[in-house]
Amino acid sequence: DPIRTVRALSAAVNVQDDNGVLFGNWGKELSDYAGGTHPLKWVGSLAIIQKYY
C-alpha cells in the first residue's frame, strides 16, 4: 500500500511529531540554518540517518 509506505517514511524522518531525524526549516537565507546545513549544501543524508536512527 503506497499510502501507508509514505506515511511510515514521513514518520521516520519527522522530528516534531514522531521523534525522527530531520527538523523542518524553510528559511530562505543561509543564516536561517545556524547550527545546521542549508538543504542546497547537503551532499547526502545516509550518514545522518545511520547516526541518529
C-alpha atoms as a PDB file:
ATOM      1  CA  ASP A   1       0.000   0.000   0.000  1.00  0.00           C
ATOM      2  CA  PRO A   2       1.822   3.162  -1.161  1.00  0.00           C
ATOM      3  CA  ILE A   3      -0.057   5.480   1.192  1.00  0.00           C
ATOM      4  CA  ARG A   4       0.960   3.517   4.285  1.00  0.00           C
ATOM      5  CA  THR A   5       4.532   3.327   2.999  1.00  0.00           C
ATOM      6  CA  VAL A   6       4.806   7.093   2.524  1.00  0.00           C
ATOM      7  CA  ARG A   7       3.255   7.765   5.924  1.00  0.00           C
ATOM      8  CA  ALA A   8       5.728   5.404   7.598  1.00  0.00           C
ATOM      9  CA  LEU A   9       8.671   7.068   5.847  1.00  0.00           C
ATOM     10  CA  SER A  10       7.393  10.516   6.815  1.00  0.00           C
ATOM     11  CA  ALA A  11       7.113   9.447  10.442  1.00  0.00           C
ATOM     12  CA  ALA A  12      10.673   8.100  10.377  1.00  0.00           C
ATOM     13  CA  VAL A  13      12.097  11.477   9.368  1.00  0.00           C
ATOM     14  CA  ASN A  14       9.727  13.939  11.074  1.00  0.00           C
ATOM     15  CA  VAL A  15      11.316  15.084  14.324  1.00  0.00           C
ATOM     16  CA  GLN A  16       8.471  17.333  15.513  1.00  0.00           C
ATOM     17  CA  ASP A  17       5.791  14.677  15.938  1.00  0.00           C
ATOM     18  CA  ASP A  18       7.453  11.319  15.563  1.00  0.00           C
ATOM     19  CA  ASN A  19      10.941  11.529  17.121  1.00  0.00           C
ATOM     20  CA  GLY A  20      12.521  11.339  13.667  1.00  0.00           C
ATOM     21  CA  VAL A  21      15.869  12.582  12.388  1.00  0.00           C
ATOM     22  CA  LEU A  22      15.047  15.721  10.384  1.00  0.00           C
ATOM     23  CA  PHE A  23      13.820  19.066  11.647  1.00  0.00           C
ATOM     24  CA  GLY A  24      11.874  21.151   9.140  1.00  0.00           C
ATOM     25  CA  ASN A  25      13.271  24.613   8.442  1.00  0.00           C
ATOM     26  CA  TRP A  26      12.001  26.584   5.476  1.00  0.00           C
ATOM     27  CA  GLY A  27      14.259  29.607   5.885  1.00  0.00           C
ATOM     28  CA  LYS A  28      15.282  31.482   2.759  1.00  0.00           C
ATOM     29  CA  GLU A  29      18.697  32.714   3.860  1.00  0.00           C
ATOM     30  CA  LEU A  30      21.796  30.652   4.641  1.00  0.00           C
ATOM     31  CA  SER A  31      21.871  32.349   8.049  1.00  0.00           C
ATOM     32  CA  ASP A  32      18.467  30.795   8.833  1.00  0.00           C
ATOM     33  CA  TYR A  33      20.261  27.468   9.286  1.00  0.00           C
ATOM     34  CA  ALA A  34      22.538  28.328  12.212  1.00  0.00           C
ATOM     35  CA  GLY A  35      23.694  25.075  13.767  1.00  0.00           C
ATOM     36  CA  GLY A  36      22.614  23.126  10.703  1.00  0.00           C
ATOM     37  CA  THR A  37      23.131  22.780   6.971  1.00  0.00           C
ATOM     38  CA  HIS A  38      21.198  24.579   4.257  1.00  0.00           C
ATOM     39  CA  PRO A  39      19.480  21.934   2.080  1.00  0.00           C
ATOM     40  CA  LEU A  40      21.268  23.170  -1.057  1.00  0.00           C
ATOM     41  CA  LYS A  41      24.580  22.374   0.669  1.00  0.00           C
ATOM     42  CA  TRP A  42      23.708  18.763   1.515  1.00  0.00           C
ATOM     43  CA  VAL A  43      25.833  16.078  -0.083  1.00  0.00           C
ATOM     44  CA  GLY A  44      23.867  13.183   1.365  1.00  0.00           C
ATOM     45  CA  SER A  45      21.731  12.079   4.275  1.00  0.00           C
ATOM     46  CA  LEU A  46      22.786   8.461   4.743  1.00  0.00           C
ATOM     47  CA  ALA A  47      25.422   9.179   7.394  1.00  0.00           C
ATOM     48  CA  ILE A  48      22.992  11.388   9.340  1.00  0.00           C
ATOM     49  CA  ILE A  49      20.240   8.788   9.268  1.00  0.00           C
ATOM     50  CA  GLN A  50      22.621   5.994  10.272  1.00  0.00           C
ATOM     51  CA  LYS A  51      23.923   8.043  13.199  1.00  0.00           C
ATOM     52  CA  TYR A  52      20.581   9.105  14.660  1.00  0.00           C
ATOM     53  CA  TYR A  53      18.051   6.490  13.609  1.00  0.00           C
END
